[in-house]
Every structure is written in C-alpha cells, then in structure tokens.
Amino acid sequence: MAVTLSERAAQHVSNYLAKRGKGVGIRLGVRTTGCSGMAYKLEFADEAPQDDEVFTSHGVTVFVDPKSLPYIDGTELDYAREGLNEGFKFNNPNVKNECGCGESFNI
C-alpha cells in the first residue's frame, strides 16, 4: 500500500511548508459527501497523527488515516496548472465513477 506525490506536488508542498514556517507534511483522506459518495481531504500536518500510515515521496511526508487508505491506495497526488487554474489533482486508480463537477467519486 502506498500514496505518492509527483515531483511538482512535492515541490509545491515543500515550498508552502517553508513559507508557513511549520509543519511536518501533508495528511490525505476521504470523507463521505457529494453526489458520488466520497470526496478527498487534504490538509497540512503540524505534527504526526498517532495512528496514521506514513509514506515519504520526493522528500515530503504523507500521512493517511487508516480508514481512508483502502480508498486511496495507489493514488498519486499531482499539482497541475491548466490555463489560469492551478491545484492538486488526485490520480486514483481505484475510482470507478466521478461526479460531473469533479468534486466527488465512488469506488
């Protein structure tokens, strides 16, 4: 089981953590919501959550809560710029369907 970051995503997270002046990595997970069932959660972690799985990708520590891991196992978090828009993109091989707005998914 693993969750990874692309080089671009890792660089963006590293730069942001340096600007913040604190933080040990990022925490990924899923929550129940949206028209397709689940949505991603992404937050900066200021300390290591006790029961989370820990992965390191391109020098960035990624924490994933145990309940979310089966839904996002194998996911690569990318950072993309498309025109005037930029943001994180989840490349999750487990997704079967996504809603039209792209905010939620199901497995």
PDB file of N, CA and C in Angstrom:
ATOM      1  N   MET A   1       0.848  -1.188   0.000  1.00  0.00           N
ATOM      2  CA  MET A   1       0.000   0.000   0.000  1.00  0.00           C
ATOM      3  C   MET A   1       0.882   1.235   0.000  1.00  0.00           C
ATOM      4  N   ALA A   2       0.478   2.208  -0.817  1.00  0.00           N
ATOM      5  CA  ALA A   2       1.273   3.435  -0.879  1.00  0.00           C
ATOM      6  C   ALA A   2       0.463   4.576  -1.482  1.00  0.00           C
ATOM      7  N   VAL A   3       0.799   5.776  -1.065  1.00  0.00           N
ATOM      8  CA  VAL A   3       0.297   7.007  -1.645  1.00  0.00           C
ATOM      9  C   VAL A   3       1.526   7.843  -1.960  1.00  0.00           C
ATOM     10  N   THR A   4       1.593   8.408  -3.179  1.00  0.00           N
ATOM     11  CA  THR A   4       2.777   9.147  -3.593  1.00  0.00           C
ATOM     12  C   THR A   4       2.415  10.549  -4.074  1.00  0.00           C
ATOM     13  N   LEU A   5       3.445  11.359  -4.227  1.00  0.00           N
ATOM     14  CA  LEU A   5       3.320  12.695  -4.795  1.00  0.00           C
ATOM     15  C   LEU A   5       4.162  12.764  -6.050  1.00  0.00           C
ATOM     16  N   SER A   6       3.697  13.512  -7.029  1.00  0.00           N
ATOM     17  CA  SER A   6       4.538  13.792  -8.192  1.00  0.00           C
ATOM     18  C   SER A   6       5.617  14.768  -7.748  1.00  0.00           C
ATOM     19  N   GLU A   7       6.642  14.934  -8.574  1.00  0.00           N
ATOM     20  CA  GLU A   7       7.697  15.901  -8.235  1.00  0.00           C
ATOM     21  C   GLU A   7       7.133  17.304  -8.080  1.00  0.00           C
ATOM     22  N   ARG A   8       6.208  17.689  -8.985  1.00  0.00           N
ATOM     23  CA  ARG A   8       5.601  19.032  -8.917  1.00  0.00           C
ATOM     24  C   ARG A   8       4.828  19.224  -7.623  1.00  0.00           C
ATOM     25  N   ALA A   9       4.053  18.205  -7.230  1.00  0.00           N
ATOM     26  CA  ALA A   9       3.272  18.305  -5.998  1.00  0.00           C
ATOM     27  C   ALA A   9       4.198  18.391  -4.787  1.00  0.00           C
ATOM     28  N   ALA A  10       5.238  17.566  -4.763  1.00  0.00           N
ATOM     29  CA  ALA A  10       6.181  17.576  -3.648  1.00  0.00           C
ATOM     30  C   ALA A  10       6.878  18.933  -3.538  1.00  0.00           C
ATOM     31  N   GLN A  11       7.256  19.509  -4.652  1.00  0.00           N
ATOM     32  CA  GLN A  11       7.902  20.822  -4.650  1.00  0.00           C
ATOM     33  C   GLN A  11       6.949  21.896  -4.124  1.00  0.00           C
ATOM     34  N   HIS A  12       5.684  21.843  -4.563  1.00  0.00           N
ATOM     35  CA  HIS A  12       4.691  22.812  -4.107  1.00  0.00           C
ATOM     36  C   HIS A  12       4.470  22.696  -2.599  1.00  0.00           C
ATOM     37  N   VAL A  13       4.335  21.471  -2.106  1.00  0.00           N
ATOM     38  CA  VAL A  13       4.128  21.255  -0.671  1.00  0.00           C
ATOM     39  C   VAL A  13       5.351  21.722   0.106  1.00  0.00           C
ATOM     40  N   SER A  14       6.541  21.381  -0.353  1.00  0.00           N
ATOM     41  CA  SER A  14       7.778  21.803   0.334  1.00  0.00           C
ATOM     42  C   SER A  14       7.881  23.317   0.408  1.00  0.00           C
ATOM     43  N   ASN A  15       7.595  23.990  -0.694  1.00  0.00           N
ATOM     44  CA  ASN A  15       7.634  25.457  -0.722  1.00  0.00           C
ATOM     45  C   ASN A  15       6.610  26.047   0.251  1.00  0.00           C
ATOM     46  N   TYR A  16       5.415  25.483   0.262  1.00  0.00           N
ATOM     47  CA  TYR A  16       4.372  26.005   1.139  1.00  0.00           C
ATOM     48  C   TYR A  16       4.734  25.799   2.611  1.00  0.00           C
ATOM     49  N   LEU A  17       5.253  24.614   2.946  1.00  0.00           N
ATOM     50  CA  LEU A  17       5.651  24.363   4.332  1.00  0.00           C
ATOM     51  C   LEU A  17       6.765  25.309   4.768  1.00  0.00           C
ATOM     52  N   ALA A  18       7.699  25.583   3.864  1.00  0.00           N
ATOM     53  CA  ALA A  18       8.783  26.522   4.178  1.00  0.00           C
ATOM     54  C   ALA A  18       8.233  27.923   4.418  1.00  0.00           C
ATOM     55  N   LYS A  19       7.275  28.338   3.597  1.00  0.00           N
ATOM     56  CA  LYS A  19       6.651  29.654   3.759  1.00  0.00           C
ATOM     57  C   LYS A  19       5.879  29.748   5.070  1.00  0.00           C
ATOM     58  N   ARG A  20       5.186  28.664   5.425  1.00  0.00           N
ATOM     59  CA  ARG A  20       4.416  28.622   6.671  1.00  0.00           C
ATOM     60  C   ARG A  20       5.339  28.692   7.883  1.00  0.00           C
ATOM     61  N   GLY A  21       6.525  28.120   7.741  1.00  0.00           N
ATOM     62  CA  GLY A  21       7.465  28.106   8.846  1.00  0.00           C
ATOM     63  C   GLY A  21       7.206  26.994   9.854  1.00  0.00           C
ATOM     64  N   LYS A  22       6.265  26.111   9.541  1.00  0.00           N
ATOM     65  CA  LYS A  22       5.982  24.981  10.419  1.00  0.00           C
ATOM     66  C   LYS A  22       5.295  23.896   9.601  1.00  0.00           C
ATOM     67  N   GLY A  23       5.252  22.700  10.163  1.00  0.00           N
ATOM     68  CA  GLY A  23       4.585  21.587   9.502  1.00  0.00           C
ATOM     69  C   GLY A  23       5.551  20.453   9.244  1.00  0.00           C
ATOM     70  N   VAL A  24       5.009  19.217   9.301  1.00  0.00           N
ATOM     71  CA  VAL A  24       5.836  18.030   9.096  1.00  0.00           C
ATOM     72  C   VAL A  24       5.461  17.289   7.820  1.00  0.00           C
ATOM     73  N   GLY A  25       4.408  17.734   7.132  1.00  0.00           N
ATOM     74  CA  GLY A  25       3.991  17.084   5.898  1.00  0.00           C
ATOM     75  C   GLY A  25       2.543  17.380   5.599  1.00  0.00           C
ATOM     76  N   ILE A  26       1.917  16.486   4.816  1.00  0.00           N
ATOM     77  CA  ILE A  26       0.507  16.649   4.499  1.00  0.00           C
ATOM     78  C   ILE A  26      -0.264  15.406   4.931  1.00  0.00           C
ATOM     79  N   ARG A  27      -1.557  15.596   5.157  1.00  0.00           N
ATOM     80  CA  ARG A  27      -2.433  14.491   5.555  1.00  0.00           C
ATOM     81  C   ARG A  27      -3.540  14.359   4.514  1.00  0.00           C
ATOM     82  N   LEU A  28      -3.675  13.156   3.964  1.00  0.00           N
ATOM     83  CA  LEU A  28      -4.693  12.871   2.968  1.00  0.00           C
ATOM     84  C   LEU A  28      -5.727  11.923   3.538  1.00  0.00           C
ATOM     85  N   GLY A  29      -6.948  12.063   3.046  1.00  0.00           N
ATOM     86  CA  GLY A  29      -8.018  11.165   3.456  1.00  0.00           C
ATOM     87  C   GLY A  29      -9.229  11.357   2.575  1.00  0.00           C
ATOM     88  N   VAL A  30     -10.298  10.675   2.922  1.00  0.00           N
ATOM     89  CA  VAL A  30     -11.573  10.828   2.227  1.00  0.00           C
ATOM     90  C   VAL A  30     -12.661  11.058   3.257  1.00  0.00           C
ATOM     91  N   ARG A  31     -13.744  11.681   2.812  1.00  0.00           N
ATOM     92  CA  ARG A  31     -14.919  11.869   3.657  1.00  0.00           C
ATOM     93  C   ARG A  31     -16.150  11.557   2.824  1.00  0.00           C
ATOM     94  N   THR A  32     -17.227  11.192   3.478  1.00  0.00           N
ATOM     95  CA  THR A  32     -18.472  10.896   2.786  1.00  0.00           C
ATOM     96  C   THR A  32     -19.183  12.203   2.481  1.00  0.00           C
ATOM     97  N   THR A  33     -19.450  12.432   1.189  1.00  0.00           N
ATOM     98  CA  THR A  33     -20.100  13.667   0.766  1.00  0.00           C
ATOM     99  C   THR A  33     -20.340  13.644  -0.731  1.00  0.00           C
ATOM    100  N   GLY A  34     -20.950  14.665  -1.233  1.00  0.00           N
ATOM    101  CA  GLY A  34     -21.068  14.855  -2.678  1.00  0.00           C
ATOM    102  C   GLY A  34     -22.067  13.934  -3.340  1.00  0.00           C
ATOM    103  N   CYS A  35     -22.215  14.110  -4.628  1.00  0.00           N
ATOM    104  CA  CYS A  35     -23.214  13.343  -5.381  1.00  0.00           C
ATOM    105  C   CYS A  35     -22.731  11.945  -5.727  1.00  0.00           C
ATOM    106  N   SER A  36     -21.445  11.669  -5.631  1.00  0.00           N
ATOM    107  CA  SER A  36     -20.941  10.330  -5.945  1.00  0.00           C
ATOM    108  C   SER A  36     -20.542   9.534  -4.712  1.00  0.00           C
ATOM    109  N   GLY A  37     -20.533  10.142  -3.554  1.00  0.00           N
ATOM    110  CA  GLY A  37     -20.282   9.384  -2.332  1.00  0.00           C
ATOM    111  C   GLY A  37     -19.107   9.805  -1.487  1.00  0.00           C
ATOM    112  N   MET A  38     -17.949  10.105  -2.097  1.00  0.00           N
ATOM    113  CA  MET A  38     -16.755  10.443  -1.319  1.00  0.00           C
ATOM    114  C   MET A  38     -16.040  11.641  -1.931  1.00  0.00           C
ATOM    115  N   ALA A  39     -15.347  12.370  -1.080  1.00  0.00           N
ATOM    116  CA  ALA A  39     -14.523  13.481  -1.534  1.00  0.00           C
ATOM    117  C   ALA A  39     -13.181  13.406  -0.808  1.00  0.00           C
ATOM    118  N   TYR A  40     -12.160  13.946  -1.449  1.00  0.00           N
ATOM    119  CA  TYR A  40     -10.816  13.941  -0.861  1.00  0.00           C
ATOM    120  C   TYR A  40     -10.686  15.029   0.191  1.00  0.00           C
ATOM    121  N   LYS A  41      -9.852  14.739   1.203  1.00  0.00           N
ATOM    122  CA  LYS A  41      -9.458  15.728   2.203  1.00  0.00           C
ATOM    123  C   LYS A  41      -7.947  15.885   2.086  1.00  0.00           C
ATOM    124  N   LEU A  42      -7.480  17.094   2.131  1.00  0.00           N
ATOM    125  CA  LEU A  42      -6.049  17.374   2.105  1.00  0.00           C
ATOM    126  C   LEU A  42      -5.799  18.500   3.080  1.00  0.00           C
ATOM    127  N   GLU A  43      -4.878  18.284   4.009  1.00  0.00           N
ATOM    128  CA  GLU A  43      -4.534  19.330   4.966  1.00  0.00           C
ATOM    129  C   GLU A  43      -3.050  19.227   5.311  1.00  0.00           C
ATOM    130  N   PHE A  44      -2.513  20.315   5.782  1.00  0.00           N
ATOM    131  CA  PHE A  44      -1.118  20.319   6.209  1.00  0.00           C
ATOM    132  C   PHE A  44      -1.062  19.810   7.643  1.00  0.00           C
ATOM    133  N   ALA A  45      -0.095  18.969   7.938  1.00  0.00           N
ATOM    134  CA  ALA A  45       0.048  18.368   9.261  1.00  0.00           C
ATOM    135  C   ALA A  45       1.160  19.079  10.019  1.00  0.00           C
ATOM    136  N   ASP A  46       0.812  19.608  11.181  1.00  0.00           N
ATOM    137  CA  ASP A  46       1.807  20.277  12.011  1.00  0.00           C
ATOM    138  C   ASP A  46       2.518  19.296  12.944  1.00  0.00           C
ATOM    139  N   GLU A  47       1.915  18.131  13.146  1.00  0.00           N
ATOM    140  CA  GLU A  47       2.552  17.061  13.907  1.00  0.00           C
ATOM    141  C   GLU A  47       2.071  15.738  13.340  1.00  0.00           C
ATOM    142  N   ALA A  48       2.795  14.681  13.631  1.00  0.00           N
ATOM    143  CA  ALA A  48       2.465  13.365  13.082  1.00  0.00           C
ATOM    144  C   ALA A  48       1.246  12.790  13.805  1.00  0.00           C
ATOM    145  N   PRO A  49       0.137  12.544  13.077  1.00  0.00           N
ATOM    146  CA  PRO A  49      -1.020  11.907  13.708  1.00  0.00           C
ATOM    147  C   PRO A  49      -0.655  10.498  14.174  1.00  0.00           C
ATOM    148  N   GLN A  50      -1.113  10.126  15.342  1.00  0.00           N
ATOM    149  CA  GLN A  50      -0.652   8.919  16.016  1.00  0.00           C
ATOM    150  C   GLN A  50      -0.901   7.617  15.258  1.00  0.00           C
ATOM    151  N   ASP A  51      -2.072   7.390  14.718  1.00  0.00           N
ATOM    152  CA  ASP A  51      -2.404   6.101  14.120  1.00  0.00           C
ATOM    153  C   ASP A  51      -2.296   6.081  12.595  1.00  0.00           C
ATOM    154  N   ASP A  52      -1.876   7.167  11.982  1.00  0.00           N
ATOM    155  CA  ASP A  52      -1.829   7.252  10.521  1.00  0.00           C
ATOM    156  C   ASP A  52      -0.718   6.406   9.920  1.00  0.00           C
ATOM    157  N   GLU A  53      -0.963   5.950   8.691  1.00  0.00           N
ATOM    158  CA  GLU A  53       0.088   5.329   7.888  1.00  0.00           C
ATOM    159  C   GLU A  53       0.984   6.468   7.393  1.00  0.00           C
ATOM    160  N   VAL A  54       2.273   6.210   7.283  1.00  0.00           N
ATOM    161  CA  VAL A  54       3.230   7.244   6.891  1.00  0.00           C
ATOM    162  C   VAL A  54       3.962   6.806   5.631  1.00  0.00           C
ATOM    163  N   PHE A  55       4.001   7.699   4.645  1.00  0.00           N
ATOM    164  CA  PHE A  55       4.721   7.470   3.393  1.00  0.00           C
ATOM    165  C   PHE A  55       5.615   8.674   3.146  1.00  0.00           C
ATOM    166  N   THR A  56       6.699   8.471   2.432  1.00  0.00           N
ATOM    167  CA  THR A  56       7.566   9.572   2.042  1.00  0.00           C
ATOM    168  C   THR A  56       7.702   9.552   0.530  1.00  0.00           C
ATOM    169  N   SER A  57       7.497  10.699  -0.076  1.00  0.00           N
ATOM    170  CA  SER A  57       7.561  10.794  -1.526  1.00  0.00           C
ATOM    171  C   SER A  57       8.282  12.077  -1.911  1.00  0.00           C
ATOM    172  N   HIS A  58       9.405  11.958  -2.626  1.00  0.00           N
ATOM    173  CA  HIS A  58      10.214  13.108  -3.047  1.00  0.00           C
ATOM    174  C   HIS A  58      10.538  14.015  -1.863  1.00  0.00           C
ATOM    175  N   GLY A  59      10.806  13.409  -0.706  1.00  0.00           N
ATOM    176  CA  GLY A  59      11.219  14.161   0.476  1.00  0.00           C
ATOM    177  C   GLY A  59      10.076  14.736   1.299  1.00  0.00           C
ATOM    178  N   VAL A  60       8.831  14.500   0.908  1.00  0.00           N
ATOM    179  CA  VAL A  60       7.673  15.013   1.640  1.00  0.00           C
ATOM    180  C   VAL A  60       6.998  13.851   2.372  1.00  0.00           C
ATOM    181  N   THR A  61       6.671  14.066   3.639  1.00  0.00           N
ATOM    182  CA  THR A  61       5.980  13.058   4.427  1.00  0.00           C
ATOM    183  C   THR A  61       4.476  13.173   4.189  1.00  0.00           C
ATOM    184  N   VAL A  62       3.861  12.021   3.887  1.00  0.00           N
ATOM    185  CA  VAL A  62       2.425  11.947   3.625  1.00  0.00           C
ATOM    186  C   VAL A  62       1.791  11.053   4.677  1.00  0.00           C
ATOM    187  N   PHE A  63       0.799  11.592   5.385  1.00  0.00           N
ATOM    188  CA  PHE A  63       0.067  10.844   6.396  1.00  0.00           C
ATOM    189  C   PHE A  63      -1.306  10.491   5.834  1.00  0.00           C
ATOM    190  N   VAL A  64      -1.747   9.255   6.071  1.00  0.00           N
ATOM    191  CA  VAL A  64      -3.069   8.816   5.621  1.00  0.00           C
ATOM    192  C   VAL A  64      -3.744   8.089   6.770  1.00  0.00           C
ATOM    193  N   ASP A  65      -4.972   8.510   7.099  1.00  0.00           N
ATOM    194  CA  ASP A  65      -5.678   7.829   8.181  1.00  0.00           C
ATOM    195  C   ASP A  65      -6.053   6.419   7.735  1.00  0.00           C
ATOM    196  N   PRO A  66      -6.042   5.451   8.652  1.00  0.00           N
ATOM    197  CA  PRO A  66      -6.249   4.041   8.295  1.00  0.00           C
ATOM    198  C   PRO A  66      -7.579   3.761   7.590  1.00  0.00           C
ATOM    199  N   LYS A  67      -8.644   4.480   7.929  1.00  0.00           N
ATOM    200  CA  LYS A  67      -9.944   4.248   7.302  1.00  0.00           C
ATOM    201  C   LYS A  67      -9.956   4.690   5.838  1.00  0.00           C
ATOM    202  N   SER A  68      -9.181   5.699   5.505  1.00  0.00           N
ATOM    203  CA  SER A  68      -9.147   6.226   4.134  1.00  0.00           C
ATOM    204  C   SER A  68      -8.226   5.443   3.214  1.00  0.00           C
ATOM    205  N   LEU A  69      -7.221   4.790   3.769  1.00  0.00           N
ATOM    206  CA  LEU A  69      -6.192   4.157   2.947  1.00  0.00           C
ATOM    207  C   LEU A  69      -6.742   3.187   1.901  1.00  0.00           C
ATOM    208  N   PRO A  70      -7.711   2.318   2.214  1.00  0.00           N
ATOM    209  CA  PRO A  70      -8.207   1.409   1.163  1.00  0.00           C
ATOM    210  C   PRO A  70      -8.804   2.140  -0.047  1.00  0.00           C
ATOM    211  N   TYR A  71      -9.322   3.349   0.161  1.00  0.00           N
ATOM    212  CA  TYR A  71      -9.942   4.113  -0.919  1.00  0.00           C
ATOM    213  C   TYR A  71      -8.932   4.882  -1.769  1.00  0.00           C
ATOM    214  N   ILE A  72      -7.776   5.182  -1.181  1.00  0.00           N
ATOM    215  CA  ILE A  72      -6.798   5.985  -1.924  1.00  0.00           C
ATOM    216  C   ILE A  72      -5.460   5.276  -2.120  1.00  0.00           C
ATOM    217  N   ASP A  73      -5.412   3.981  -1.795  1.00  0.00           N
ATOM    218  CA  ASP A  73      -4.189   3.212  -2.008  1.00  0.00           C
ATOM    219  C   ASP A  73      -3.801   3.263  -3.485  1.00  0.00           C
ATOM    220  N   GLY A  74      -2.565   3.564  -3.759  1.00  0.00           N
ATOM    221  CA  GLY A  74      -2.070   3.644  -5.134  1.00  0.00           C
ATOM    222  C   GLY A  74      -2.230   5.012  -5.761  1.00  0.00           C
ATOM    223  N   THR A  75      -2.800   5.961  -5.033  1.00  0.00           N
ATOM    224  CA  THR A  75      -3.050   7.302  -5.558  1.00  0.00           C
ATOM    225  C   THR A  75      -1.759   8.102  -5.657  1.00  0.00           C
ATOM    226  N   GLU A  76      -1.643   8.862  -6.744  1.00  0.00           N
ATOM    227  CA  GLU A  76      -0.565   9.848  -6.880  1.00  0.00           C
ATOM    228  C   GLU A  76      -1.210  11.225  -6.823  1.00  0.00           C
ATOM    229  N   LEU A  77      -0.706  12.060  -5.939  1.00  0.00           N
ATOM    230  CA  LEU A  77      -1.160  13.437  -5.852  1.00  0.00           C
ATOM    231  C   LEU A  77      -0.262  14.272  -6.752  1.00  0.00           C
ATOM    232  N   ASP A  78      -0.878  14.967  -7.697  1.00  0.00           N
ATOM    233  CA  ASP A  78      -0.136  15.805  -8.638  1.00  0.00           C
ATOM    234  C   ASP A  78      -0.532  17.257  -8.406  1.00  0.00           C
ATOM    235  N   TYR A  79       0.275  18.172  -8.904  1.00  0.00           N
ATOM    236  CA  TYR A  79      -0.045  19.596  -8.859  1.00  0.00           C
ATOM    237  C   TYR A  79      -0.008  20.087 -10.294  1.00  0.00           C
ATOM    238  N   ALA A  80      -1.130  20.596 -10.771  1.00  0.00           N
ATOM    239  CA  ALA A  80      -1.223  20.954 -12.183  1.00  0.00           C
ATOM    240  C   ALA A  80      -1.666  22.398 -12.365  1.00  0.00           C
ATOM    241  N   ARG A  81      -1.182  22.987 -13.442  1.00  0.00           N
ATOM    242  CA  ARG A  81      -1.629  24.312 -13.874  1.00  0.00           C
ATOM    243  C   ARG A  81      -2.266  24.156 -15.239  1.00  0.00           C
ATOM    244  N   GLU A  82      -3.517  24.561 -15.336  1.00  0.00           N
ATOM    245  CA  GLU A  82      -4.233  24.499 -16.598  1.00  0.00           C
ATOM    246  C   GLU A  82      -4.837  25.869 -16.847  1.00  0.00           C
ATOM    247  N   GLY A  83      -4.238  26.611 -17.762  1.00  0.00           N
ATOM    248  CA  GLY A  83      -4.691  27.977 -18.004  1.00  0.00           C
ATOM    249  C   GLY A  83      -4.477  28.826 -16.772  1.00  0.00           C
ATOM    250  N   LEU A  84      -5.538  29.465 -16.316  1.00  0.00           N
ATOM    251  CA  LEU A  84      -5.452  30.305 -15.119  1.00  0.00           C
ATOM    252  C   LEU A  84      -5.684  29.511 -13.833  1.00  0.00           C
ATOM    253  N   ASN A  85      -6.060  28.253 -13.966  1.00  0.00           N
ATOM    254  CA  ASN A  85      -6.343  27.419 -12.798  1.00  0.00           C
ATOM    255  C   ASN A  85      -5.132  26.589 -12.411  1.00  0.00           C
ATOM    256  N   GLU A  86      -4.966  26.412 -11.119  1.00  0.00           N
ATOM    257  CA  GLU A  86      -3.918  25.533 -10.624  1.00  0.00           C
ATOM    258  C   GLU A  86      -4.408  24.882  -9.342  1.00  0.00           C
ATOM    259  N   GLY A  87      -3.920  23.675  -9.083  1.00  0.00           N
ATOM    260  CA  GLY A  87      -4.314  22.989  -7.867  1.00  0.00           C
ATOM    261  C   GLY A  87      -3.887  21.540  -7.879  1.00  0.00           C
ATOM    262  N   PHE A  88      -4.209  20.878  -6.788  1.00  0.00           N
ATOM    263  CA  PHE A  88      -3.860  19.470  -6.648  1.00  0.00           C
ATOM    264  C   PHE A  88      -4.841  18.607  -7.429  1.00  0.00           C
ATOM    265  N   LYS A  89      -4.310  17.521  -7.982  1.00  0.00           N
ATOM    266  CA  LYS A  89      -5.125  16.571  -8.725  1.00  0.00           C
ATOM    267  C   LYS A  89      -4.816  15.177  -8.189  1.00  0.00           C
ATOM    268  N   PHE A  90      -5.859  14.436  -7.851  1.00  0.00           N
ATOM    269  CA  PHE A  90      -5.708  13.085  -7.328  1.00  0.00           C
ATOM    270  C   PHE A  90      -5.818  12.104  -8.484  1.00  0.00           C
ATOM    271  N   ASN A  91      -4.759  11.353  -8.748  1.00  0.00           N
ATOM    272  CA  ASN A  91      -4.766  10.298  -9.759  1.00  0.00           C
ATOM    273  C   ASN A  91      -4.946   8.977  -9.022  1.00  0.00           C
ATOM    274  N   ASN A  92      -6.225   8.593  -8.839  1.00  0.00           N
ATOM    275  CA  ASN A  92      -6.585   7.445  -8.023  1.00  0.00           C
ATOM    276  C   ASN A  92      -7.018   6.282  -8.911  1.00  0.00           C
ATOM    277  N   PRO A  93      -6.255   5.191  -8.939  1.00  0.00           N
ATOM    278  CA  PRO A  93      -6.592   4.058  -9.801  1.00  0.00           C
ATOM    279  C   PRO A  93      -7.831   3.286  -9.347  1.00  0.00           C
ATOM    280  N   ASN A  94      -8.320   3.553  -8.138  1.00  0.00           N
ATOM    281  CA  ASN A  94      -9.470   2.830  -7.591  1.00  0.00           C
ATOM    282  C   ASN A  94     -10.815   3.422  -7.986  1.00  0.00           C
ATOM    283  N   VAL A  95     -10.831   4.638  -8.525  1.00  0.00           N
ATOM    284  CA  VAL A  95     -12.079   5.335  -8.828  1.00  0.00           C
ATOM    285  C   VAL A  95     -12.812   4.650  -9.971  1.00  0.00           C
ATOM    286  N   LYS A  96     -14.098   4.374  -9.724  1.00  0.00           N
ATOM    287  CA  LYS A  96     -14.952   3.779 -10.758  1.00  0.00           C
ATOM    288  C   LYS A  96     -15.776   4.859 -11.464  1.00  0.00           C
ATOM    289  N   ASN A  97     -16.291   5.829 -10.696  1.00  0.00           N
ATOM    290  CA  ASN A  97     -17.109   6.918 -11.241  1.00  0.00           C
ATOM    291  C   ASN A  97     -16.798   8.208 -10.516  1.00  0.00           C
ATOM    292  N   GLU A  98     -16.900   9.317 -11.255  1.00  0.00           N
ATOM    293  CA  GLU A  98     -16.768  10.647 -10.658  1.00  0.00           C
ATOM    294  C   GLU A  98     -18.012  11.444 -11.013  1.00  0.00           C
ATOM    295  N   CYS A  99     -18.357  12.398 -10.162  1.00  0.00           N
ATOM    296  CA  CYS A  99     -19.491  13.246 -10.487  1.00  0.00           C
ATOM    297  C   CYS A  99     -19.074  14.239 -11.578  1.00  0.00           C
ATOM    298  N   GLY A 100     -20.027  14.866 -12.195  1.00  0.00           N
ATOM    299  CA  GLY A 100     -19.762  15.797 -13.292  1.00  0.00           C
ATOM    300  C   GLY A 100     -18.925  16.995 -12.886  1.00  0.00           C
ATOM    301  N   CYS A 101     -19.073  17.437 -11.649  1.00  0.00           N
ATOM    302  CA  CYS A 101     -18.314  18.614 -11.208  1.00  0.00           C
ATOM    303  C   CYS A 101     -16.906  18.253 -10.763  1.00  0.00           C
ATOM    304  N   GLY A 102     -16.616  16.953 -10.620  1.00  0.00           N
ATOM    305  CA  GLY A 102     -15.267  16.520 -10.242  1.00  0.00           C
ATOM    306  C   GLY A 102     -14.950  16.619  -8.770  1.00  0.00           C
ATOM    307  N   GLU A 103     -15.955  16.913  -7.940  1.00  0.00           N
ATOM    308  CA  GLU A 103     -15.713  17.073  -6.514  1.00  0.00           C
ATOM    309  C   GLU A 103     -15.829  15.775  -5.726  1.00  0.00           C
ATOM    310  N   SER A 104     -16.504  14.774  -6.276  1.00  0.00           N
ATOM    311  CA  SER A 104     -16.661  13.529  -5.525  1.00  0.00           C
ATOM    312  C   SER A 104     -16.510  12.323  -6.450  1.00  0.00           C
ATOM    313  N   PHE A 105     -16.363  11.148  -5.828  1.00  0.00           N
ATOM    314  CA  PHE A 105     -16.108   9.920  -6.574  1.00  0.00           C
ATOM    315  C   PHE A 105     -16.680   8.736  -5.799  1.00  0.00           C
ATOM    316  N   ASN A 106     -16.711   7.582  -6.467  1.00  0.00           N
ATOM    317  CA  ASN A 106     -17.023   6.346  -5.747  1.00  0.00           C
ATOM    318  C   ASN A 106     -16.125   5.231  -6.258  1.00  0.00           C
ATOM    319  N   ILE A 107     -16.074   4.182  -5.456  1.00  0.00           N
ATOM    320  CA  ILE A 107     -15.178   3.058  -5.741  1.00  0.00           C
ATOM    321  C   ILE A 107     -16.009   1.812  -5.949  1.00  0.00           C
TER     322      ILE A 107
END
